[in-house]
Amino acid sequence: MTRKNFTIILLLFIFTFLCITLSPVFTKDLKDISYSDFRLAIGPFLSGIGVFLNYIAIIKKEKNVEKQENL
Protein backbone atom coordinates (compact mmCIF):
# COMPACT_ATOMS: atom_id res chain seq x y z
CA MET A 1 0.00 0.00 0.00
CA THR A 2 1.41 3.33 -0.97
CA ARG A 3 1.61 6.27 1.36
CA LYS A 4 -0.97 8.18 -0.68
CA ASN A 5 -3.53 5.37 -0.40
CA PHE A 6 -2.89 5.04 3.31
CA THR A 7 -3.52 8.74 3.91
CA ILE A 8 -6.77 8.60 1.91
CA ILE A 9 -7.99 5.66 4.00
CA LEU A 10 -6.96 7.43 7.21
CA LEU A 11 -8.83 10.57 6.12
CA LEU A 12 -11.95 8.50 5.49
CA PHE A 13 -11.74 6.93 8.96
CA ILE A 14 -11.27 10.33 10.58
CA PHE A 15 -14.19 11.81 8.65
CA THR A 16 -16.41 8.87 9.63
CA PHE A 17 -15.42 9.17 13.29
CA LEU A 18 -16.15 12.91 13.26
CA CYS A 19 -19.57 12.35 11.70
CA ILE A 20 -20.46 9.71 14.29
CA THR A 21 -19.16 11.83 17.17
CA LEU A 22 -20.93 15.00 16.06
CA SER A 23 -24.22 13.40 14.98
CA PRO A 24 -25.95 14.12 18.35
CA VAL A 25 -25.07 17.81 17.97
CA PHE A 26 -27.17 18.07 14.82
CA THR A 27 -30.29 16.89 16.65
CA LYS A 28 -30.02 19.53 19.41
CA ASP A 29 -31.36 23.05 19.43
CA LEU A 30 -28.82 25.80 18.94
CA LYS A 31 -29.26 26.95 22.55
CA ASP A 32 -28.47 23.51 23.97
CA ILE A 33 -25.12 23.03 22.22
CA SER A 34 -22.09 23.43 24.49
CA TYR A 35 -18.33 22.88 24.47
CA SER A 36 -18.69 19.40 25.97
CA ASP A 37 -20.48 18.27 22.80
CA PHE A 38 -17.33 18.98 20.78
CA ARG A 39 -14.70 17.74 23.25
CA LEU A 40 -14.33 14.30 21.69
CA ALA A 41 -14.12 15.70 18.17
CA ILE A 42 -11.42 18.35 18.63
CA GLY A 43 -8.45 15.97 18.65
CA PRO A 44 -9.51 13.91 15.62
CA PHE A 45 -10.42 17.10 13.75
CA LEU A 46 -6.94 18.54 14.27
CA SER A 47 -5.38 15.19 13.34
CA GLY A 48 -7.50 15.15 10.20
CA ILE A 49 -6.18 18.58 9.25
CA GLY A 50 -2.63 17.28 9.70
CA VAL A 51 -3.31 14.19 7.59
CA PHE A 52 -4.93 16.33 4.90
CA LEU A 53 -1.90 18.64 4.79
CA ASN A 54 0.32 15.56 4.52
CA TYR A 55 -1.82 14.32 1.61
CA ILE A 56 -1.44 17.64 -0.18
CA ALA A 57 2.34 17.50 0.35
CA ILE A 58 2.45 14.00 -1.15
CA ILE A 59 0.53 15.15 -4.22
CA LYS A 60 2.86 18.13 -4.71
CA LYS A 61 5.88 15.88 -4.33
CA GLU A 62 4.54 13.48 -6.96
CA LYS A 63 3.90 16.35 -9.39
CA ASN A 64 7.46 17.64 -8.91
CA VAL A 65 8.87 14.17 -9.55
CA GLU A 66 6.79 13.87 -12.73
CA LYS A 67 8.00 17.28 -13.95
CA GLN A 68 11.62 16.32 -13.35
CA GLU A 69 11.17 13.03 -15.19
CA ASN A 70 9.66 14.79 -18.20
CA LEU A 71 12.63 17.13 -18.53
PDB file of N, CA and C in Angstrom:
ATOM      1  N   MET A   1       0.850  -1.175   0.000  1.00  0.00           N
ATOM      2  CA  MET A   1       0.000   0.000   0.000  1.00  0.00           C
ATOM      3  C   MET A   1       0.895   1.236   0.000  1.00  0.00           C
ATOM      4  N   THR A   2       0.596   2.129  -0.891  1.00  0.00           N
ATOM      5  CA  THR A   2       1.412   3.334  -0.975  1.00  0.00           C
ATOM      6  C   THR A   2       1.002   4.316   0.124  1.00  0.00           C
ATOM      7  N   ARG A   3       1.861   5.265   0.316  1.00  0.00           N
ATOM      8  CA  ARG A   3       1.615   6.267   1.357  1.00  0.00           C
ATOM      9  C   ARG A   3       0.388   7.117   1.033  1.00  0.00           C
ATOM     10  N   LYS A   4       0.183   7.384  -0.245  1.00  0.00           N
ATOM     11  CA  LYS A   4      -0.965   8.177  -0.680  1.00  0.00           C
ATOM     12  C   LYS A   4      -2.268   7.440  -0.376  1.00  0.00           C
ATOM     13  N   ASN A   5      -2.330   6.160  -0.690  1.00  0.00           N
ATOM     14  CA  ASN A   5      -3.530   5.374  -0.400  1.00  0.00           C
ATOM     15  C   ASN A   5      -3.795   5.280   1.097  1.00  0.00           C
ATOM     16  N   PHE A   6      -2.732   5.120   1.863  1.00  0.00           N
ATOM     17  CA  PHE A   6      -2.886   5.037   3.315  1.00  0.00           C
ATOM     18  C   PHE A   6      -3.460   6.329   3.883  1.00  0.00           C
ATOM     19  N   THR A   7      -3.002   7.473   3.389  1.00  0.00           N
ATOM     20  CA  THR A   7      -3.520   8.741   3.909  1.00  0.00           C
ATOM     21  C   THR A   7      -4.978   8.953   3.501  1.00  0.00           C
ATOM     22  N   ILE A   8      -5.366   8.494   2.321  1.00  0.00           N
ATOM     23  CA  ILE A   8      -6.772   8.605   1.914  1.00  0.00           C
ATOM     24  C   ILE A   8      -7.653   7.757   2.827  1.00  0.00           C
ATOM     25  N   ILE A   9      -7.228   6.540   3.108  1.00  0.00           N
ATOM     26  CA  ILE A   9      -7.990   5.663   3.998  1.00  0.00           C
ATOM     27  C   ILE A   9      -8.068   6.258   5.399  1.00  0.00           C
ATOM     28  N   LEU A  10      -6.969   6.803   5.883  1.00  0.00           N
ATOM     29  CA  LEU A  10      -6.959   7.428   7.205  1.00  0.00           C
ATOM     30  C   LEU A  10      -7.892   8.635   7.250  1.00  0.00           C
ATOM     31  N   LEU A  11      -7.903   9.432   6.194  1.00  0.00           N
ATOM     32  CA  LEU A  11      -8.828  10.566   6.122  1.00  0.00           C
ATOM     33  C   LEU A  11     -10.286  10.110   6.148  1.00  0.00           C
ATOM     34  N   LEU A  12     -10.587   9.024   5.471  1.00  0.00           N
ATOM     35  CA  LEU A  12     -11.950   8.498   5.491  1.00  0.00           C
ATOM     36  C   LEU A  12     -12.354   8.028   6.879  1.00  0.00           C
ATOM     37  N   PHE A  13     -11.444   7.367   7.595  1.00  0.00           N
ATOM     38  CA  PHE A  13     -11.738   6.931   8.964  1.00  0.00           C
ATOM     39  C   PHE A  13     -11.948   8.129   9.885  1.00  0.00           C
ATOM     40  N   ILE A  14     -11.130   9.140   9.739  1.00  0.00           N
ATOM     41  CA  ILE A  14     -11.266  10.335  10.576  1.00  0.00           C
ATOM     42  C   ILE A  14     -12.585  11.030  10.295  1.00  0.00           C
ATOM     43  N   PHE A  15     -12.930  11.171   9.020  1.00  0.00           N
ATOM     44  CA  PHE A  15     -14.191  11.814   8.654  1.00  0.00           C
ATOM     45  C   PHE A  15     -15.384  11.029   9.198  1.00  0.00           C
ATOM     46  N   THR A  16     -15.333   9.704   9.105  1.00  0.00           N
ATOM     47  CA  THR A  16     -16.408   8.865   9.632  1.00  0.00           C
ATOM     48  C   THR A  16     -16.523   9.017  11.140  1.00  0.00           C
ATOM     49  N   PHE A  17     -15.395   9.013  11.841  1.00  0.00           N
ATOM     50  CA  PHE A  17     -15.416   9.172  13.291  1.00  0.00           C
ATOM     51  C   PHE A  17     -16.002  10.525  13.687  1.00  0.00           C
ATOM     52  N   LEU A  18     -15.615  11.581  12.964  1.00  0.00           N
ATOM     53  CA  LEU A  18     -16.148  12.910  13.258  1.00  0.00           C
ATOM     54  C   LEU A  18     -17.660  12.966  13.030  1.00  0.00           C
ATOM     55  N   CYS A  19     -18.125  12.346  11.966  1.00  0.00           N
ATOM     56  CA  CYS A  19     -19.567  12.350  11.700  1.00  0.00           C
ATOM     57  C   CYS A  19     -20.330  11.604  12.788  1.00  0.00           C
ATOM     58  N   ILE A  20     -19.799  10.470  13.236  1.00  0.00           N
ATOM     59  CA  ILE A  20     -20.462   9.709  14.288  1.00  0.00           C
ATOM     60  C   ILE A  20     -20.429  10.467  15.605  1.00  0.00           C
ATOM     61  N   THR A  21     -19.298  11.102  15.916  1.00  0.00           N
ATOM     62  CA  THR A  21     -19.164  11.830  17.167  1.00  0.00           C
ATOM     63  C   THR A  21     -20.054  13.066  17.201  1.00  0.00           C
ATOM     64  N   LEU A  22     -20.165  13.748  16.086  1.00  0.00           N
ATOM     65  CA  LEU A  22     -20.932  14.996  16.057  1.00  0.00           C
ATOM     66  C   LEU A  22     -22.398  14.814  15.677  1.00  0.00           C
ATOM     67  N   SER A  23     -22.833  13.602  15.383  1.00  0.00           N
ATOM     68  CA  SER A  23     -24.220  13.401  14.983  1.00  0.00           C
ATOM     69  C   SER A  23     -25.231  13.826  16.056  1.00  0.00           C
ATOM     70  N   PRO A  24     -24.977  13.634  17.364  1.00  0.00           N
ATOM     71  CA  PRO A  24     -25.949  14.120  18.351  1.00  0.00           C
ATOM     72  C   PRO A  24     -26.070  15.643  18.383  1.00  0.00           C
ATOM     73  N   VAL A  25     -25.036  16.348  17.960  1.00  0.00           N
ATOM     74  CA  VAL A  25     -25.074  17.810  17.968  1.00  0.00           C
ATOM     75  C   VAL A  25     -26.110  18.320  16.968  1.00  0.00           C
ATOM     76  N   PHE A  26     -26.250  17.618  15.854  1.00  0.00           N
ATOM     77  CA  PHE A  26     -27.173  18.071  14.818  1.00  0.00           C
ATOM     78  C   PHE A  26     -28.639  17.913  15.217  1.00  0.00           C
ATOM     79  N   THR A  27     -28.905  17.080  16.220  1.00  0.00           N
ATOM     80  CA  THR A  27     -30.286  16.887  16.654  1.00  0.00           C
ATOM     81  C   THR A  27     -30.686  17.858  17.767  1.00  0.00           C
ATOM     82  N   LYS A  28     -29.738  18.601  18.322  1.00  0.00           N
ATOM     83  CA  LYS A  28     -30.025  19.527  19.412  1.00  0.00           C
ATOM     84  C   LYS A  28     -30.417  20.895  18.883  1.00  0.00           C
ATOM     85  N   ASP A  29     -31.081  21.645  19.739  1.00  0.00           N
ATOM     86  CA  ASP A  29     -31.358  23.046  19.429  1.00  0.00           C
ATOM     87  C   ASP A  29     -30.069  23.837  19.564  1.00  0.00           C
ATOM     88  N   LEU A  30     -30.020  24.968  18.924  1.00  0.00           N
ATOM     89  CA  LEU A  30     -28.823  25.804  18.937  1.00  0.00           C
ATOM     90  C   LEU A  30     -28.488  26.279  20.350  1.00  0.00           C
ATOM     91  N   LYS A  31     -29.479  26.485  21.171  1.00  0.00           N
ATOM     92  CA  LYS A  31     -29.264  26.951  22.547  1.00  0.00           C
ATOM     93  C   LYS A  31     -28.643  25.874  23.432  1.00  0.00           C
ATOM     94  N   ASP A  32     -28.911  24.616  23.116  1.00  0.00           N
ATOM     95  CA  ASP A  32     -28.474  23.509  23.967  1.00  0.00           C
ATOM     96  C   ASP A  32     -27.070  23.005  23.657  1.00  0.00           C
ATOM     97  N   ILE A  33     -26.448  23.491  22.609  1.00  0.00           N
ATOM     98  CA  ILE A  33     -25.117  23.026  22.221  1.00  0.00           C
ATOM     99  C   ILE A  33     -24.078  23.702  23.108  1.00  0.00           C
ATOM    100  N   SER A  34     -23.144  22.891  23.628  1.00  0.00           N
ATOM    101  CA  SER A  34     -22.094  23.429  24.493  1.00  0.00           C
ATOM    102  C   SER A  34     -20.735  22.863  24.071  1.00  0.00           C
ATOM    103  N   TYR A  35     -19.702  23.313  24.763  1.00  0.00           N
ATOM    104  CA  TYR A  35     -18.334  22.876  24.465  1.00  0.00           C
ATOM    105  C   TYR A  35     -18.188  21.367  24.667  1.00  0.00           C
ATOM    106  N   SER A  36     -18.853  20.822  25.667  1.00  0.00           N
ATOM    107  CA  SER A  36     -18.695  19.403  25.967  1.00  0.00           C
ATOM    108  C   SER A  36     -19.182  18.516  24.818  1.00  0.00           C
ATOM    109  N   ASP A  37     -20.044  19.042  23.958  1.00  0.00           N
ATOM    110  CA  ASP A  37     -20.481  18.268  22.803  1.00  0.00           C
ATOM    111  C   ASP A  37     -19.365  18.099  21.774  1.00  0.00           C
ATOM    112  N   PHE A  38     -18.406  19.008  21.766  1.00  0.00           N
ATOM    113  CA  PHE A  38     -17.328  18.985  20.784  1.00  0.00           C
ATOM    114  C   PHE A  38     -16.008  18.447  21.347  1.00  0.00           C
ATOM    115  N   ARG A  39     -15.959  18.155  22.628  1.00  0.00           N
ATOM    116  CA  ARG A  39     -14.700  17.740  23.249  1.00  0.00           C
ATOM    117  C   ARG A  39     -14.073  16.530  22.583  1.00  0.00           C
ATOM    118  N   LEU A  40     -14.871  15.519  22.281  1.00  0.00           N
ATOM    119  CA  LEU A  40     -14.327  14.298  21.694  1.00  0.00           C
ATOM    120  C   LEU A  40     -13.950  14.456  20.229  1.00  0.00           C
ATOM    121  N   ALA A  41     -14.385  15.528  19.600  1.00  0.00           N
ATOM    122  CA  ALA A  41     -14.125  15.703  18.175  1.00  0.00           C
ATOM    123  C   ALA A  41     -12.962  16.640  17.879  1.00  0.00           C
ATOM    124  N   ILE A  42     -12.487  17.366  18.869  1.00  0.00           N
ATOM    125  CA  ILE A  42     -11.423  18.351  18.625  1.00  0.00           C
ATOM    126  C   ILE A  42     -10.115  17.675  18.220  1.00  0.00           C
ATOM    127  N   GLY A  43      -9.705  16.670  18.950  1.00  0.00           N
ATOM    128  CA  GLY A  43      -8.451  15.973  18.651  1.00  0.00           C
ATOM    129  C   GLY A  43      -8.451  15.323  17.272  1.00  0.00           C
ATOM    130  N   PRO A  44      -9.472  14.505  16.961  1.00  0.00           N
ATOM    131  CA  PRO A  44      -9.508  13.910  15.616  1.00  0.00           C
ATOM    132  C   PRO A  44      -9.630  14.945  14.506  1.00  0.00           C
ATOM    133  N   PHE A  45     -10.309  16.052  14.769  1.00  0.00           N
ATOM    134  CA  PHE A  45     -10.415  17.101  13.751  1.00  0.00           C
ATOM    135  C   PHE A  45      -9.044  17.691  13.447  1.00  0.00           C
ATOM    136  N   LEU A  46      -8.280  17.987  14.480  1.00  0.00           N
ATOM    137  CA  LEU A  46      -6.938  18.540  14.266  1.00  0.00           C
ATOM    138  C   LEU A  46      -6.020  17.513  13.615  1.00  0.00           C
ATOM    139  N   SER A  47      -6.165  16.244  13.990  1.00  0.00           N
ATOM    140  CA  SER A  47      -5.381  15.192  13.339  1.00  0.00           C
ATOM    141  C   SER A  47      -5.757  15.065  11.872  1.00  0.00           C
ATOM    142  N   GLY A  48      -7.039  15.209  11.589  1.00  0.00           N
ATOM    143  CA  GLY A  48      -7.498  15.154  10.203  1.00  0.00           C
ATOM    144  C   GLY A  48      -6.914  16.271   9.372  1.00  0.00           C
ATOM    145  N   ILE A  49      -6.800  17.460   9.957  1.00  0.00           N
ATOM    146  CA  ILE A  49      -6.176  18.575   9.245  1.00  0.00           C
ATOM    147  C   ILE A  49      -4.719  18.246   8.941  1.00  0.00           C
ATOM    148  N   GLY A  50      -4.027  17.660   9.913  1.00  0.00           N
ATOM    149  CA  GLY A  50      -2.630  17.278   9.696  1.00  0.00           C
ATOM    150  C   GLY A  50      -2.482  16.225   8.615  1.00  0.00           C
ATOM    151  N   VAL A  51      -3.356  15.240   8.619  1.00  0.00           N
ATOM    152  CA  VAL A  51      -3.306  14.192   7.590  1.00  0.00           C
ATOM    153  C   VAL A  51      -3.626  14.776   6.224  1.00  0.00           C
ATOM    154  N   PHE A  52      -4.590  15.694   6.163  1.00  0.00           N
ATOM    155  CA  PHE A  52      -4.931  16.333   4.897  1.00  0.00           C
ATOM    156  C   PHE A  52      -3.762  17.149   4.358  1.00  0.00           C
ATOM    157  N   LEU A  53      -3.076  17.878   5.219  1.00  0.00           N
ATOM    158  CA  LEU A  53      -1.902  18.639   4.788  1.00  0.00           C
ATOM    159  C   LEU A  53      -0.798  17.704   4.298  1.00  0.00           C
ATOM    160  N   ASN A  54      -0.650  16.562   4.955  1.00  0.00           N
ATOM    161  CA  ASN A  54       0.321  15.562   4.517  1.00  0.00           C
ATOM    162  C   ASN A  54      -0.060  15.026   3.141  1.00  0.00           C
ATOM    163  N   TYR A  55      -1.336  14.801   2.908  1.00  0.00           N
ATOM    164  CA  TYR A  55      -1.820  14.316   1.611  1.00  0.00           C
ATOM    165  C   TYR A  55      -1.512  15.332   0.511  1.00  0.00           C
ATOM    166  N   ILE A  56      -1.739  16.596   0.796  1.00  0.00           N
ATOM    167  CA  ILE A  56      -1.435  17.643  -0.176  1.00  0.00           C
ATOM    168  C   ILE A  56       0.063  17.680  -0.473  1.00  0.00           C
ATOM    169  N   ALA A  57       0.890  17.513   0.550  1.00  0.00           N
ATOM    170  CA  ALA A  57       2.338  17.501   0.346  1.00  0.00           C
ATOM    171  C   ALA A  57       2.761  16.317  -0.522  1.00  0.00           C
ATOM    172  N   ILE A  58       2.135  15.171  -0.337  1.00  0.00           N
ATOM    173  CA  ILE A  58       2.450  13.996  -1.151  1.00  0.00           C
ATOM    174  C   ILE A  58       2.096  14.252  -2.607  1.00  0.00           C
ATOM    175  N   ILE A  59       0.946  14.858  -2.842  1.00  0.00           N
ATOM    176  CA  ILE A  59       0.528  15.152  -4.220  1.00  0.00           C
ATOM    177  C   ILE A  59       1.505  16.125  -4.879  1.00  0.00           C
ATOM    178  N   LYS A  60       1.905  17.176  -4.156  1.00  0.00           N
ATOM    179  CA  LYS A  60       2.861  18.135  -4.712  1.00  0.00           C
ATOM    180  C   LYS A  60       4.192  17.468  -5.011  1.00  0.00           C
ATOM    181  N   LYS A  61       4.612  16.575  -4.130  1.00  0.00           N
ATOM    182  CA  LYS A  61       5.881  15.880  -4.332  1.00  0.00           C
ATOM    183  C   LYS A  61       5.820  14.999  -5.581  1.00  0.00           C
ATOM    184  N   GLU A  62       4.694  14.320  -5.780  1.00  0.00           N
ATOM    185  CA  GLU A  62       4.537  13.478  -6.962  1.00  0.00           C
ATOM    186  C   GLU A  62       4.549  14.318  -8.242  1.00  0.00           C
ATOM    187  N   LYS A  63       3.913  15.476  -8.208  1.00  0.00           N
ATOM    188  CA  LYS A  63       3.903  16.347  -9.386  1.00  0.00           C
ATOM    189  C   LYS A  63       5.307  16.842  -9.707  1.00  0.00           C
ATOM    190  N   ASN A  64       6.088  17.187  -8.671  1.00  0.00           N
ATOM    191  CA  ASN A  64       7.457  17.636  -8.905  1.00  0.00           C
ATOM    192  C   ASN A  64       8.317  16.523  -9.491  1.00  0.00           C
ATOM    193  N   VAL A  65       8.119  15.306  -9.031  1.00  0.00           N
ATOM    194  CA  VAL A  65       8.872  14.174  -9.553  1.00  0.00           C
ATOM    195  C   VAL A  65       8.510  13.948 -11.016  1.00  0.00           C
ATOM    196  N   GLU A  66       7.220  14.054 -11.343  1.00  0.00           N
ATOM    197  CA  GLU A  66       6.794  13.873 -12.735  1.00  0.00           C
ATOM    198  C   GLU A  66       7.376  14.955 -13.644  1.00  0.00           C
ATOM    199  N   LYS A  67       7.427  16.177 -13.159  1.00  0.00           N
ATOM    200  CA  LYS A  67       8.001  17.283 -13.948  1.00  0.00           C
ATOM    201  C   LYS A  67       9.478  17.031 -14.212  1.00  0.00           C
ATOM    202  N   GLN A  68      10.195  16.568 -13.191  1.00  0.00           N
ATOM    203  CA  GLN A  68      11.618  16.318 -13.354  1.00  0.00           C
ATOM    204  C   GLN A  68      11.881  15.161 -14.298  1.00  0.00           C
ATOM    205  N   GLU A  69      10.992  14.167 -14.289  1.00  0.00           N
ATOM    206  CA  GLU A  69      11.167  13.033 -15.189  1.00  0.00           C
ATOM    207  C   GLU A  69      10.888  13.410 -16.632  1.00  0.00           C
ATOM    208  N   ASN A  70       9.995  14.358 -16.840  1.00  0.00           N
ATOM    209  CA  ASN A  70       9.665  14.786 -18.201  1.00  0.00           C
ATOM    210  C   ASN A  70      10.734  15.676 -18.813  1.00  0.00           C
ATOM    211  N   LEU A  71      11.561  16.273 -18.001  1.00  0.00           N
ATOM    212  CA  LEU A  71      12.632  17.128 -18.530  1.00  0.00           C
ATOM    213  C   LEU A  71      13.731  16.283 -19.028  1.00  0.00           C
TER     214      LEU A  71
END
